Amino acid sequence: MKKFLFLAILGLVSTVSVMAQQDIKFAEASFKFGKIEQNKPVTHIFTYTNNGAKPAVIEFASAECGCTTPEYSKEAILKGKSSTIKVTYNAAAMGAFSKRVTVKFAGINDPVILTIEGEVVPAKPKPGAK
């Protein structure tokens, strides 16, 4: 009986978590820039839609390092409306990169993880430069 009760509660918690995640729907959770030139920042805009009954508010969006900057609206997004999170990578360090941005919505326990990837290559020399 205890085992059945535990499984029933676990199933309910899982269902609530999945339902909450479906309230916010991102068009994509990752983006690949490909090859980008060093010291030329690149930006990608992630779009999401609020499918929940309550307005969606981002509590925070944080990048895993200072090389990546997320920007987002502090305004509540009403049911059926969309908004964006702009993620900029500074491209200072050479080589391949994969950076995550954690987005936490009010009232939803599990954050959304957005990922950007690419490879920073040497900048092309300017015409006439030696």
N, C-alpha and C. Protein backbone atom coordinates (compact mmCIF):
# COMPACT_ATOMS: atom_id res chain seq x y z
N MET A 1 0.83 -1.20 0.00
CA MET A 1 0.00 0.00 0.00
C MET A 1 0.87 1.26 0.00
N LYS A 2 1.93 1.23 0.83
CA LYS A 2 2.82 2.39 0.90
C LYS A 2 3.50 2.60 -0.45
N LYS A 3 3.88 1.50 -1.09
CA LYS A 3 4.54 1.58 -2.39
C LYS A 3 3.60 2.21 -3.43
N PHE A 4 2.34 1.80 -3.41
CA PHE A 4 1.34 2.34 -4.34
C PHE A 4 1.14 3.84 -4.10
N LEU A 5 1.04 4.24 -2.84
CA LEU A 5 0.85 5.65 -2.49
C LEU A 5 2.05 6.48 -2.96
N PHE A 6 3.26 5.94 -2.73
CA PHE A 6 4.47 6.63 -3.17
C PHE A 6 4.48 6.82 -4.69
N LEU A 7 4.15 5.76 -5.42
CA LEU A 7 4.14 5.84 -6.88
C LEU A 7 3.06 6.81 -7.38
N ALA A 8 1.92 6.83 -6.72
CA ALA A 8 0.84 7.75 -7.10
C ALA A 8 1.27 9.19 -6.89
N ILE A 9 1.92 9.47 -5.77
CA ILE A 9 2.40 10.83 -5.49
C ILE A 9 3.49 11.22 -6.48
N LEU A 10 4.41 10.31 -6.75
CA LEU A 10 5.47 10.57 -7.71
C LEU A 10 4.90 10.88 -9.09
N GLY A 11 3.89 10.13 -9.51
CA GLY A 11 3.24 10.37 -10.80
C GLY A 11 2.56 11.72 -10.84
N LEU A 12 1.92 12.11 -9.76
CA LEU A 12 1.25 13.42 -9.69
C LEU A 12 2.26 14.55 -9.77
N VAL A 13 3.37 14.44 -9.04
CA VAL A 13 4.41 15.47 -9.07
C VAL A 13 4.99 15.58 -10.47
N SER A 14 5.26 14.45 -11.11
CA SER A 14 5.80 14.46 -12.47
C SER A 14 4.83 15.10 -13.44
N THR A 15 3.55 14.81 -13.31
CA THR A 15 2.53 15.37 -14.19
C THR A 15 2.44 16.88 -14.01
N VAL A 16 2.47 17.35 -12.77
CA VAL A 16 2.41 18.80 -12.50
C VAL A 16 3.63 19.48 -13.09
N SER A 17 4.82 18.88 -12.94
CA SER A 17 6.04 19.46 -13.49
C SER A 17 5.98 19.55 -15.01
N VAL A 18 5.52 18.50 -15.67
CA VAL A 18 5.42 18.49 -17.13
C VAL A 18 4.38 19.53 -17.58
N MET A 19 3.26 19.61 -16.86
CA MET A 19 2.23 20.58 -17.22
C MET A 19 2.78 22.00 -17.11
N ALA A 20 3.56 22.26 -16.05
CA ALA A 20 4.13 23.60 -15.87
C ALA A 20 5.10 23.93 -17.00
N GLN A 21 5.90 22.94 -17.41
CA GLN A 21 6.85 23.17 -18.49
C GLN A 21 6.14 23.45 -19.81
N GLN A 22 4.95 22.89 -19.99
CA GLN A 22 4.21 23.11 -21.22
C GLN A 22 3.57 24.50 -21.24
N ASP A 23 3.51 25.17 -20.10
CA ASP A 23 2.96 26.52 -20.04
C ASP A 23 3.81 27.50 -20.86
N ILE A 24 5.11 27.28 -20.88
CA ILE A 24 6.03 28.13 -21.62
C ILE A 24 6.64 27.29 -22.73
N LYS A 25 6.44 27.71 -23.96
CA LYS A 25 6.92 26.93 -25.11
C LYS A 25 7.92 27.76 -25.90
N PHE A 26 9.18 27.30 -25.94
CA PHE A 26 10.21 27.96 -26.73
C PHE A 26 10.19 27.41 -28.15
N ALA A 27 10.37 28.28 -29.12
CA ALA A 27 10.44 27.84 -30.52
C ALA A 27 11.65 26.94 -30.73
N GLU A 28 12.73 27.21 -29.98
CA GLU A 28 13.94 26.40 -30.02
C GLU A 28 14.67 26.60 -28.70
N ALA A 29 15.42 25.61 -28.28
CA ALA A 29 16.15 25.70 -27.01
C ALA A 29 17.65 25.81 -27.25
N SER A 30 18.08 25.64 -28.49
CA SER A 30 19.51 25.76 -28.80
C SER A 30 19.71 26.39 -30.17
N PHE A 31 20.89 26.99 -30.34
CA PHE A 31 21.21 27.62 -31.61
C PHE A 31 22.70 27.45 -31.88
N LYS A 32 23.04 27.13 -33.13
CA LYS A 32 24.43 26.97 -33.54
C LYS A 32 24.81 28.11 -34.48
N PHE A 33 25.79 28.89 -34.05
CA PHE A 33 26.27 30.01 -34.87
C PHE A 33 27.17 29.55 -36.00
N GLY A 34 27.82 28.41 -35.84
CA GLY A 34 28.83 27.99 -36.82
C GLY A 34 30.13 28.71 -36.52
N LYS A 35 30.89 29.05 -37.55
CA LYS A 35 32.16 29.75 -37.37
C LYS A 35 31.90 31.26 -37.30
N ILE A 36 32.49 31.90 -36.30
CA ILE A 36 32.37 33.35 -36.14
C ILE A 36 33.76 33.93 -35.92
N GLU A 37 33.93 35.16 -36.34
CA GLU A 37 35.24 35.81 -36.21
C GLU A 37 35.48 36.29 -34.78
N GLN A 38 36.75 36.14 -34.37
CA GLN A 38 37.12 36.55 -33.02
C GLN A 38 36.85 38.05 -32.81
N ASN A 39 36.38 38.37 -31.62
CA ASN A 39 36.08 39.74 -31.18
C ASN A 39 34.94 40.41 -31.95
N LYS A 40 34.12 39.62 -32.62
CA LYS A 40 32.93 40.15 -33.28
C LYS A 40 31.72 39.50 -32.61
N PRO A 41 31.14 40.15 -31.60
CA PRO A 41 30.02 39.55 -30.87
C PRO A 41 28.88 39.12 -31.80
N VAL A 42 28.23 38.04 -31.41
CA VAL A 42 27.09 37.53 -32.16
C VAL A 42 25.89 37.41 -31.21
N THR A 43 24.70 37.54 -31.79
CA THR A 43 23.47 37.53 -30.99
C THR A 43 22.46 36.59 -31.63
N HIS A 44 21.72 35.90 -30.77
CA HIS A 44 20.59 35.11 -31.23
C HIS A 44 19.39 35.44 -30.35
N ILE A 45 18.21 35.49 -30.95
CA ILE A 45 17.00 35.79 -30.21
C ILE A 45 16.15 34.54 -30.12
N PHE A 46 15.91 34.09 -28.88
CA PHE A 46 15.05 32.95 -28.60
C PHE A 46 13.64 33.47 -28.35
N THR A 47 12.66 32.87 -28.99
CA THR A 47 11.26 33.28 -28.84
C THR A 47 10.50 32.24 -28.05
N TYR A 48 9.65 32.72 -27.13
CA TYR A 48 8.81 31.80 -26.37
C TYR A 48 7.38 32.32 -26.32
N THR A 49 6.44 31.39 -26.09
CA THR A 49 5.02 31.72 -26.01
C THR A 49 4.48 31.23 -24.68
N ASN A 50 3.63 32.04 -24.06
CA ASN A 50 2.98 31.66 -22.81
C ASN A 50 1.68 30.93 -23.15
N ASN A 51 1.66 29.63 -22.92
CA ASN A 51 0.46 28.82 -23.14
C ASN A 51 -0.31 28.56 -21.85
N GLY A 52 0.17 29.13 -20.75
CA GLY A 52 -0.46 28.91 -19.45
C GLY A 52 -1.62 29.85 -19.22
N ALA A 53 -2.35 29.58 -18.16
CA ALA A 53 -3.51 30.39 -17.81
C ALA A 53 -3.11 31.70 -17.13
N LYS A 54 -1.93 31.71 -16.51
CA LYS A 54 -1.47 32.90 -15.79
C LYS A 54 -0.40 33.63 -16.60
N PRO A 55 -0.23 34.94 -16.36
CA PRO A 55 0.85 35.66 -17.03
C PRO A 55 2.21 35.05 -16.68
N ALA A 56 3.12 35.03 -17.63
CA ALA A 56 4.46 34.49 -17.42
C ALA A 56 5.42 35.63 -17.13
N VAL A 57 6.21 35.45 -16.08
CA VAL A 57 7.20 36.46 -15.69
C VAL A 57 8.54 35.76 -15.50
N ILE A 58 9.57 36.28 -16.13
CA ILE A 58 10.91 35.72 -15.95
C ILE A 58 11.46 36.27 -14.63
N GLU A 59 11.82 35.37 -13.70
CA GLU A 59 12.45 35.78 -12.45
C GLU A 59 13.89 36.17 -12.70
N PHE A 60 14.58 35.35 -13.49
CA PHE A 60 15.96 35.66 -13.86
C PHE A 60 16.37 34.85 -15.07
N ALA A 61 17.36 35.35 -15.78
CA ALA A 61 18.02 34.62 -16.85
C ALA A 61 19.51 34.85 -16.63
N SER A 62 20.26 33.78 -16.40
CA SER A 62 21.68 33.95 -16.10
C SER A 62 22.52 33.04 -16.97
N ALA A 63 23.64 33.59 -17.42
CA ALA A 63 24.58 32.85 -18.25
C ALA A 63 25.61 32.19 -17.35
N GLU A 64 26.23 31.13 -17.86
CA GLU A 64 27.22 30.41 -17.05
C GLU A 64 28.57 31.11 -17.01
N CYS A 65 28.77 32.15 -17.82
CA CYS A 65 30.02 32.91 -17.77
C CYS A 65 29.78 34.34 -18.22
N GLY A 66 30.76 35.19 -18.00
CA GLY A 66 30.64 36.60 -18.36
C GLY A 66 30.73 36.86 -19.85
N CYS A 67 31.07 35.85 -20.64
CA CYS A 67 31.20 36.01 -22.09
C CYS A 67 29.84 35.99 -22.79
N THR A 68 28.81 35.61 -22.05
CA THR A 68 27.46 35.48 -22.61
C THR A 68 26.50 36.36 -21.82
N THR A 69 25.69 37.14 -22.54
CA THR A 69 24.78 38.07 -21.87
C THR A 69 23.35 37.86 -22.35
N PRO A 70 22.44 37.49 -21.43
CA PRO A 70 21.03 37.40 -21.79
C PRO A 70 20.31 38.72 -21.49
N GLU A 71 19.38 39.10 -22.36
CA GLU A 71 18.54 40.28 -22.14
C GLU A 71 17.10 39.86 -22.35
N TYR A 72 16.21 40.32 -21.45
CA TYR A 72 14.81 39.91 -21.53
C TYR A 72 13.92 40.97 -20.91
N SER A 73 12.65 40.91 -21.25
CA SER A 73 11.66 41.84 -20.72
C SER A 73 11.28 41.43 -19.31
N LYS A 74 11.13 42.42 -18.45
CA LYS A 74 10.69 42.17 -17.07
C LYS A 74 9.16 42.18 -16.97
N GLU A 75 8.50 42.49 -18.08
CA GLU A 75 7.04 42.57 -18.10
C GLU A 75 6.40 41.18 -18.12
N ALA A 76 5.20 41.09 -17.57
CA ALA A 76 4.43 39.84 -17.61
C ALA A 76 3.93 39.61 -19.03
N ILE A 77 4.03 38.37 -19.48
CA ILE A 77 3.57 37.99 -20.82
C ILE A 77 2.24 37.26 -20.64
N LEU A 78 1.19 37.81 -21.20
CA LEU A 78 -0.14 37.27 -21.04
C LEU A 78 -0.32 35.96 -21.81
N LYS A 79 -1.35 35.20 -21.44
CA LYS A 79 -1.66 33.93 -22.10
C LYS A 79 -1.80 34.14 -23.61
N GLY A 80 -1.13 33.27 -24.36
CA GLY A 80 -1.21 33.32 -25.82
C GLY A 80 -0.25 34.31 -26.46
N LYS A 81 0.43 35.10 -25.66
CA LYS A 81 1.37 36.10 -26.20
C LYS A 81 2.79 35.54 -26.19
N SER A 82 3.64 36.18 -26.98
CA SER A 82 5.03 35.75 -27.10
C SER A 82 5.98 36.86 -26.69
N SER A 83 7.19 36.46 -26.36
CA SER A 83 8.25 37.42 -26.05
C SER A 83 9.58 36.78 -26.45
N THR A 84 10.67 37.47 -26.16
CA THR A 84 11.98 36.98 -26.58
C THR A 84 13.02 37.13 -25.47
N ILE A 85 14.08 36.35 -25.61
CA ILE A 85 15.28 36.47 -24.80
C ILE A 85 16.43 36.60 -25.79
N LYS A 86 17.14 37.72 -25.72
CA LYS A 86 18.27 37.98 -26.61
C LYS A 86 19.55 37.53 -25.90
N VAL A 87 20.31 36.64 -26.57
CA VAL A 87 21.54 36.12 -25.99
C VAL A 87 22.71 36.53 -26.88
N THR A 88 23.68 37.23 -26.27
CA THR A 88 24.85 37.71 -27.01
C THR A 88 26.11 37.04 -26.46
N TYR A 89 26.95 36.56 -27.38
CA TYR A 89 28.24 35.95 -27.04
C TYR A 89 29.33 36.89 -27.52
N ASN A 90 30.34 37.20 -26.68
CA ASN A 90 31.34 38.21 -27.02
C ASN A 90 32.43 37.74 -27.98
N ALA A 91 32.60 36.45 -28.18
CA ALA A 91 33.55 35.87 -29.15
C ALA A 91 34.99 36.29 -28.92
N ALA A 92 35.38 36.49 -27.67
CA ALA A 92 36.75 36.91 -27.38
C ALA A 92 37.73 35.73 -27.42
N ALA A 93 37.32 34.58 -26.94
CA ALA A 93 38.22 33.42 -26.85
C ALA A 93 38.12 32.55 -28.10
N MET A 94 39.29 32.16 -28.61
CA MET A 94 39.36 31.29 -29.79
C MET A 94 38.90 29.88 -29.45
N GLY A 95 38.33 29.20 -30.44
CA GLY A 95 37.98 27.80 -30.29
C GLY A 95 36.49 27.57 -30.20
N ALA A 96 36.14 26.29 -30.05
CA ALA A 96 34.73 25.90 -29.96
C ALA A 96 34.16 26.32 -28.61
N PHE A 97 32.87 26.65 -28.61
CA PHE A 97 32.20 27.01 -27.37
C PHE A 97 30.79 26.44 -27.34
N SER A 98 30.33 26.21 -26.14
CA SER A 98 28.95 25.81 -25.88
C SER A 98 28.58 26.48 -24.56
N LYS A 99 27.66 27.40 -24.61
CA LYS A 99 27.29 28.20 -23.43
C LYS A 99 25.81 28.03 -23.14
N ARG A 100 25.49 27.96 -21.85
CA ARG A 100 24.11 27.78 -21.43
C ARG A 100 23.60 29.03 -20.72
N VAL A 101 22.32 29.30 -20.92
CA VAL A 101 21.62 30.36 -20.21
C VAL A 101 20.46 29.70 -19.48
N THR A 102 20.39 29.90 -18.18
CA THR A 102 19.32 29.34 -17.36
C THR A 102 18.23 30.39 -17.21
N VAL A 103 17.00 30.03 -17.59
CA VAL A 103 15.87 30.95 -17.52
C VAL A 103 14.87 30.40 -16.52
N LYS A 104 14.58 31.18 -15.48
CA LYS A 104 13.65 30.76 -14.43
C LYS A 104 12.40 31.63 -14.49
N PHE A 105 11.25 30.97 -14.69
CA PHE A 105 9.96 31.65 -14.71
C PHE A 105 9.30 31.55 -13.34
N ALA A 106 8.63 32.61 -12.91
CA ALA A 106 7.92 32.63 -11.64
C ALA A 106 6.82 31.56 -11.66
N GLY A 107 6.72 30.81 -10.56
CA GLY A 107 5.67 29.80 -10.44
C GLY A 107 5.96 28.49 -11.12
N ILE A 108 7.11 28.37 -11.78
CA ILE A 108 7.49 27.12 -12.44
C ILE A 108 8.81 26.67 -11.81
N ASN A 109 8.81 25.48 -11.23
CA ASN A 109 9.99 25.01 -10.49
C ASN A 109 11.21 24.79 -11.36
N ASP A 110 11.04 24.11 -12.49
CA ASP A 110 12.17 23.75 -13.32
C ASP A 110 12.53 24.87 -14.29
N PRO A 111 13.79 25.31 -14.27
CA PRO A 111 14.20 26.34 -15.23
C PRO A 111 14.32 25.77 -16.64
N VAL A 112 14.34 26.66 -17.60
CA VAL A 112 14.58 26.29 -19.00
C VAL A 112 16.05 26.57 -19.30
N ILE A 113 16.71 25.65 -19.98
CA ILE A 113 18.11 25.83 -20.35
C ILE A 113 18.18 26.11 -21.85
N LEU A 114 18.72 27.28 -22.19
CA LEU A 114 18.96 27.64 -23.59
C LEU A 114 20.45 27.47 -23.85
N THR A 115 20.81 27.02 -25.05
CA THR A 115 22.21 26.75 -25.37
C THR A 115 22.59 27.43 -26.69
N ILE A 116 23.77 28.05 -26.68
CA ILE A 116 24.35 28.56 -27.92
C ILE A 116 25.69 27.85 -28.13
N GLU A 117 26.01 27.58 -29.40
CA GLU A 117 27.24 26.89 -29.73
C GLU A 117 27.87 27.52 -30.96
N GLY A 118 29.15 27.29 -31.12
CA GLY A 118 29.84 27.76 -32.30
C GLY A 118 31.33 27.58 -32.17
N GLU A 119 32.04 28.18 -33.10
CA GLU A 119 33.51 28.14 -33.07
C GLU A 119 34.04 29.51 -33.44
N VAL A 120 34.89 30.04 -32.56
CA VAL A 120 35.52 31.33 -32.82
C VAL A 120 36.81 31.09 -33.59
N VAL A 121 36.93 31.75 -34.74
CA VAL A 121 38.09 31.62 -35.62
C VAL A 121 38.79 32.97 -35.73
N PRO A 122 40.04 32.99 -36.20
CA PRO A 122 40.73 34.27 -36.34
C PRO A 122 39.97 35.23 -37.26
N ALA A 123 40.00 36.50 -36.90
CA ALA A 123 39.34 37.51 -37.73
C ALA A 123 40.10 37.65 -39.04
N LYS A 124 39.36 37.92 -40.10
CA LYS A 124 39.98 38.13 -41.41
C LYS A 124 40.73 39.45 -41.39
N PRO A 125 41.91 39.48 -42.01
CA PRO A 125 42.65 40.76 -42.05
C PRO A 125 41.88 41.80 -42.85
N LYS A 126 41.97 43.03 -42.40
CA LYS A 126 41.30 44.11 -43.12
C LYS A 126 42.04 44.40 -44.42
N PRO A 127 41.33 44.75 -45.47
CA PRO A 127 41.98 45.05 -46.76
C PRO A 127 43.03 46.14 -46.58
N GLY A 128 44.20 45.91 -47.12
CA GLY A 128 45.27 46.89 -47.05
C GLY A 128 46.12 46.76 -45.79
N ALA A 129 45.70 45.92 -44.84
CA ALA A 129 46.47 45.74 -43.60
C ALA A 129 47.61 44.77 -43.86
N LYS A 130 48.73 45.00 -43.19
CA LYS A 130 49.91 44.12 -43.37
C LYS A 130 50.10 43.26 -42.18
